[in-house]
C-alpha atoms as a PDB file:
ATOM      1  CA  UNK A   1       4.165  54.703   5.974  1.00  0.00           C
ATOM      2  CA  UNK A   2       3.665  50.947   5.992  1.00  0.00           C
ATOM      3  CA  UNK A   3       5.457  48.602   3.660  1.00  0.00           C
ATOM      4  CA  UNK A   4       3.391  46.135   1.619  1.00  0.00           C
ATOM      5  CA  UNK A   5       3.480  42.536   2.759  1.00  0.00           C
ATOM      6  CA  UNK A   6       5.412  40.386   0.312  1.00  0.00           C
ATOM      7  CA  UNK A   7       4.662  36.687  -0.065  1.00  0.00           C
ATOM      8  CA  UNK A   8       7.610  34.520  -1.018  1.00  0.00           C
ATOM      9  CA  UNK A   9       5.850  31.150  -1.036  1.00  0.00           C
ATOM     10  CA  UNK A  10       2.561  29.965  -2.477  1.00  0.00           C
ATOM     11  CA  UNK A  11       0.670  26.720  -2.292  1.00  0.00           C
ATOM     12  CA  UNK A  12      -0.252  25.215  -5.662  1.00  0.00           C
ATOM     13  CA  UNK A  13      -3.717  23.819  -6.410  1.00  0.00           C
ATOM     14  CA  UNK A  14      -2.340  20.280  -6.020  1.00  0.00           C
ATOM     15  CA  UNK A  15      -1.006  21.052  -2.526  1.00  0.00           C
ATOM     16  CA  UNK A  16       2.654  21.601  -3.354  1.00  0.00           C
ATOM     17  CA  UNK A  17       4.657  24.656  -2.327  1.00  0.00           C
ATOM     18  CA  UNK A  18       6.603  26.935  -4.695  1.00  0.00           C
ATOM     19  CA  UNK A  19       8.750  30.011  -4.414  1.00  0.00           C
ATOM     20  CA  UNK A  20       6.609  32.827  -5.863  1.00  0.00           C
ATOM     21  CA  UNK A  21       7.368  33.674  -9.485  1.00  0.00           C
ATOM     22  CA  UNK A  22       9.428  30.529 -10.093  1.00  0.00           C
ATOM     23  CA  UNK A  23       9.008  26.825 -10.668  1.00  0.00           C
ATOM     24  CA  UNK A  24      11.365  26.058  -7.767  1.00  0.00           C
ATOM     25  CA  UNK A  25       9.709  24.051  -5.024  1.00  0.00           C
ATOM     26  CA  UNK A  26       9.933  25.059  -1.409  1.00  0.00           C
ATOM     27  CA  UNK A  27      10.991  21.429  -0.881  1.00  0.00           C
ATOM     28  CA  UNK A  28      14.181  22.092  -2.855  1.00  0.00           C
ATOM     29  CA  UNK A  29      15.040  25.199  -0.856  1.00  0.00           C
ATOM     30  CA  UNK A  30      14.303  23.526   2.483  1.00  0.00           C
ATOM     31  CA  UNK A  31      16.315  20.398   1.645  1.00  0.00           C
ATOM     32  CA  UNK A  32      19.255  22.553   0.557  1.00  0.00           C
ATOM     33  CA  UNK A  33      18.951  24.633   3.741  1.00  0.00           C
ATOM     34  CA  UNK A  34      18.759  21.504   5.915  1.00  0.00           C
ATOM     35  CA  UNK A  35      21.832  20.136   4.112  1.00  0.00           C
ATOM     36  CA  UNK A  36      23.784  23.153   5.283  1.00  0.00           C
ATOM     37  CA  UNK A  37      23.856  25.270   2.144  1.00  0.00           C
ATOM     38  CA  UNK A  38      23.916  29.004   2.710  1.00  0.00           C
ATOM     39  CA  UNK A  39      21.271  31.171   1.059  1.00  0.00           C
ATOM     40  CA  UNK A  40      23.964  32.339  -1.379  1.00  0.00           C
ATOM     41  CA  UNK A  41      24.788  28.730  -2.294  1.00  0.00           C
ATOM     42  CA  UNK A  42      21.081  27.988  -2.777  1.00  0.00           C
ATOM     43  CA  UNK A  43      20.855  30.915  -5.225  1.00  0.00           C
ATOM     44  CA  UNK A  44      23.852  29.435  -7.051  1.00  0.00           C
ATOM     45  CA  UNK A  45      22.054  26.059  -7.261  1.00  0.00           C
ATOM     46  CA  UNK A  46      18.778  27.676  -8.387  1.00  0.00           C
ATOM     47  CA  UNK A  47      19.655  30.738 -10.511  1.00  0.00           C
ATOM     48  CA  UNK A  48      15.996  31.707 -11.004  1.00  0.00           C
ATOM     49  CA  UNK A  49      15.849  32.552  -7.291  1.00  0.00           C
ATOM     50  CA  UNK A  50      16.946  35.838  -5.802  1.00  0.00           C
ATOM     51  CA  UNK A  51      18.737  36.013  -2.483  1.00  0.00           C
ATOM     52  CA  UNK A  52      15.663  37.776  -1.093  1.00  0.00           C
ATOM     53  CA  UNK A  53      13.331  34.980  -2.257  1.00  0.00           C
ATOM     54  CA  UNK A  54      15.568  32.325  -0.694  1.00  0.00           C
ATOM     55  CA  UNK A  55      15.609  34.166   2.625  1.00  0.00           C
ATOM     56  CA  UNK A  56      11.830  34.612   2.319  1.00  0.00           C
ATOM     57  CA  UNK A  57      11.335  30.905   1.624  1.00  0.00           C
ATOM     58  CA  UNK A  58      13.508  29.923   4.588  1.00  0.00           C
ATOM     59  CA  UNK A  59      11.653  32.392   6.832  1.00  0.00           C
ATOM     60  CA  UNK A  60       8.331  30.918   5.650  1.00  0.00           C
ATOM     61  CA  UNK A  61       9.613  27.430   6.456  1.00  0.00           C
ATOM     62  CA  UNK A  62      10.819  28.434   9.919  1.00  0.00           C
ATOM     63  CA  UNK A  63       7.526  30.184  10.698  1.00  0.00           C
ATOM     64  CA  UNK A  64       5.503  27.157   9.484  1.00  0.00           C
ATOM     65  CA  UNK A  65       7.954  24.410  10.376  1.00  0.00           C
ATOM     66  CA  UNK A  66       5.460  21.847  11.721  1.00  0.00           C
ATOM     67  CA  UNK A  67       3.208  22.153   8.669  1.00  0.00           C
ATOM     68  CA  UNK A  68       6.053  22.021   6.140  1.00  0.00           C
ATOM     69  CA  UNK A  69       7.863  19.177   7.944  1.00  0.00           C
ATOM     70  CA  UNK A  70       4.633  17.145   7.846  1.00  0.00           C
ATOM     71  CA  UNK A  71       4.237  17.968   4.151  1.00  0.00           C
ATOM     72  CA  UNK A  72       7.846  16.884   3.464  1.00  0.00           C
ATOM     73  CA  UNK A  73       7.319  13.581   5.311  1.00  0.00           C
ATOM     74  CA  UNK A  74       4.146  12.959   3.297  1.00  0.00           C
ATOM     75  CA  UNK A  75       6.015  13.753   0.071  1.00  0.00           C
ATOM     76  CA  UNK A  76       8.815  11.340   1.014  1.00  0.00           C
ATOM     77  CA  UNK A  77       6.269   8.582   1.723  1.00  0.00           C
ATOM     78  CA  UNK A  78       4.487   9.307  -1.562  1.00  0.00           C
ATOM     79  CA  UNK A  79       7.788   9.195  -3.459  1.00  0.00           C
ATOM     80  CA  UNK A  80       8.665   5.866  -1.822  1.00  0.00           C
ATOM     81  CA  UNK A  81       5.276   4.426  -2.779  1.00  0.00           C
ATOM     82  CA  UNK A  82       5.616   5.601  -6.394  1.00  0.00           C
ATOM     83  CA  UNK A  83       9.146   4.203  -6.547  1.00  0.00           C
ATOM     84  CA  UNK A  84       7.949   0.812  -5.245  1.00  0.00           C
ATOM     85  CA  UNK A  85       5.106   0.767  -7.791  1.00  0.00           C
ATOM     86  CA  UNK A  86       7.484   1.642 -10.609  1.00  0.00           C
ATOM     87  CA  UNK A  87       9.964  -1.027  -9.531  1.00  0.00           C
ATOM     88  CA  UNK A  88       7.196  -3.641  -9.480  1.00  0.00           C
ATOM     89  CA  UNK A  89       5.694  -2.574 -12.815  1.00  0.00           C
ATOM     90  CA  UNK A  90       9.056  -2.413 -14.604  1.00  0.00           C
ATOM     91  CA  UNK A  91      10.935  -5.235 -12.902  1.00  0.00           C
ATOM     92  CA  UNK A  92      12.110  -6.995 -16.092  1.00  0.00           C
ATOM     93  CA  UNK A  93      13.201  -3.819 -17.860  1.00  0.00           C
ATOM     94  CA  UNK A  94      15.067  -2.579 -14.811  1.00  0.00           C
ATOM     95  CA  UNK A  95      16.812  -5.942 -14.428  1.00  0.00           C
ATOM     96  CA  UNK A  96      18.038  -5.720 -18.052  1.00  0.00           C
ATOM     97  CA  UNK A  97      19.268  -2.167 -17.617  1.00  0.00           C
ATOM     98  CA  UNK A  98      21.008  -2.958 -14.341  1.00  0.00           C
ATOM     99  CA  UNK A  99      22.700  -6.061 -15.763  1.00  0.00           C
ATOM    100  CA  UNK A 100      24.108  -4.006 -18.654  1.00  0.00           C
ATOM    101  CA  UNK A 101      25.349  -1.267 -16.331  1.00  0.00           C
ATOM    102  CA  UNK A 102      27.071  -3.829 -14.083  1.00  0.00           C
ATOM    103  CA  UNK A 103      28.700  -5.684 -17.009  1.00  0.00           C
ATOM    104  CA  UNK A 104      29.920  -2.457 -18.676  1.00  0.00           C
END
């Protein structure tokens, strides 16, 4: 008797990756894993995940490491670009907020 194949990760229509049945991104699981968290600690950080789904997500990452690492680099570059655009568009407001935080 063969066991059904279970998918733990899916790609969203916009190209992101999620743990199946949750809103938790594969990015979050991979970053936690790369930071040295155990699967049990990752479940503690993301209570909507099961230990099985965390192990499945990590296994998916390890099996598709080149693809996911490229995706993560692209996401980091995209985040940096959005951050730069936000900083430029909101320069005056951010300066006011930062001056109040420093003087507090």
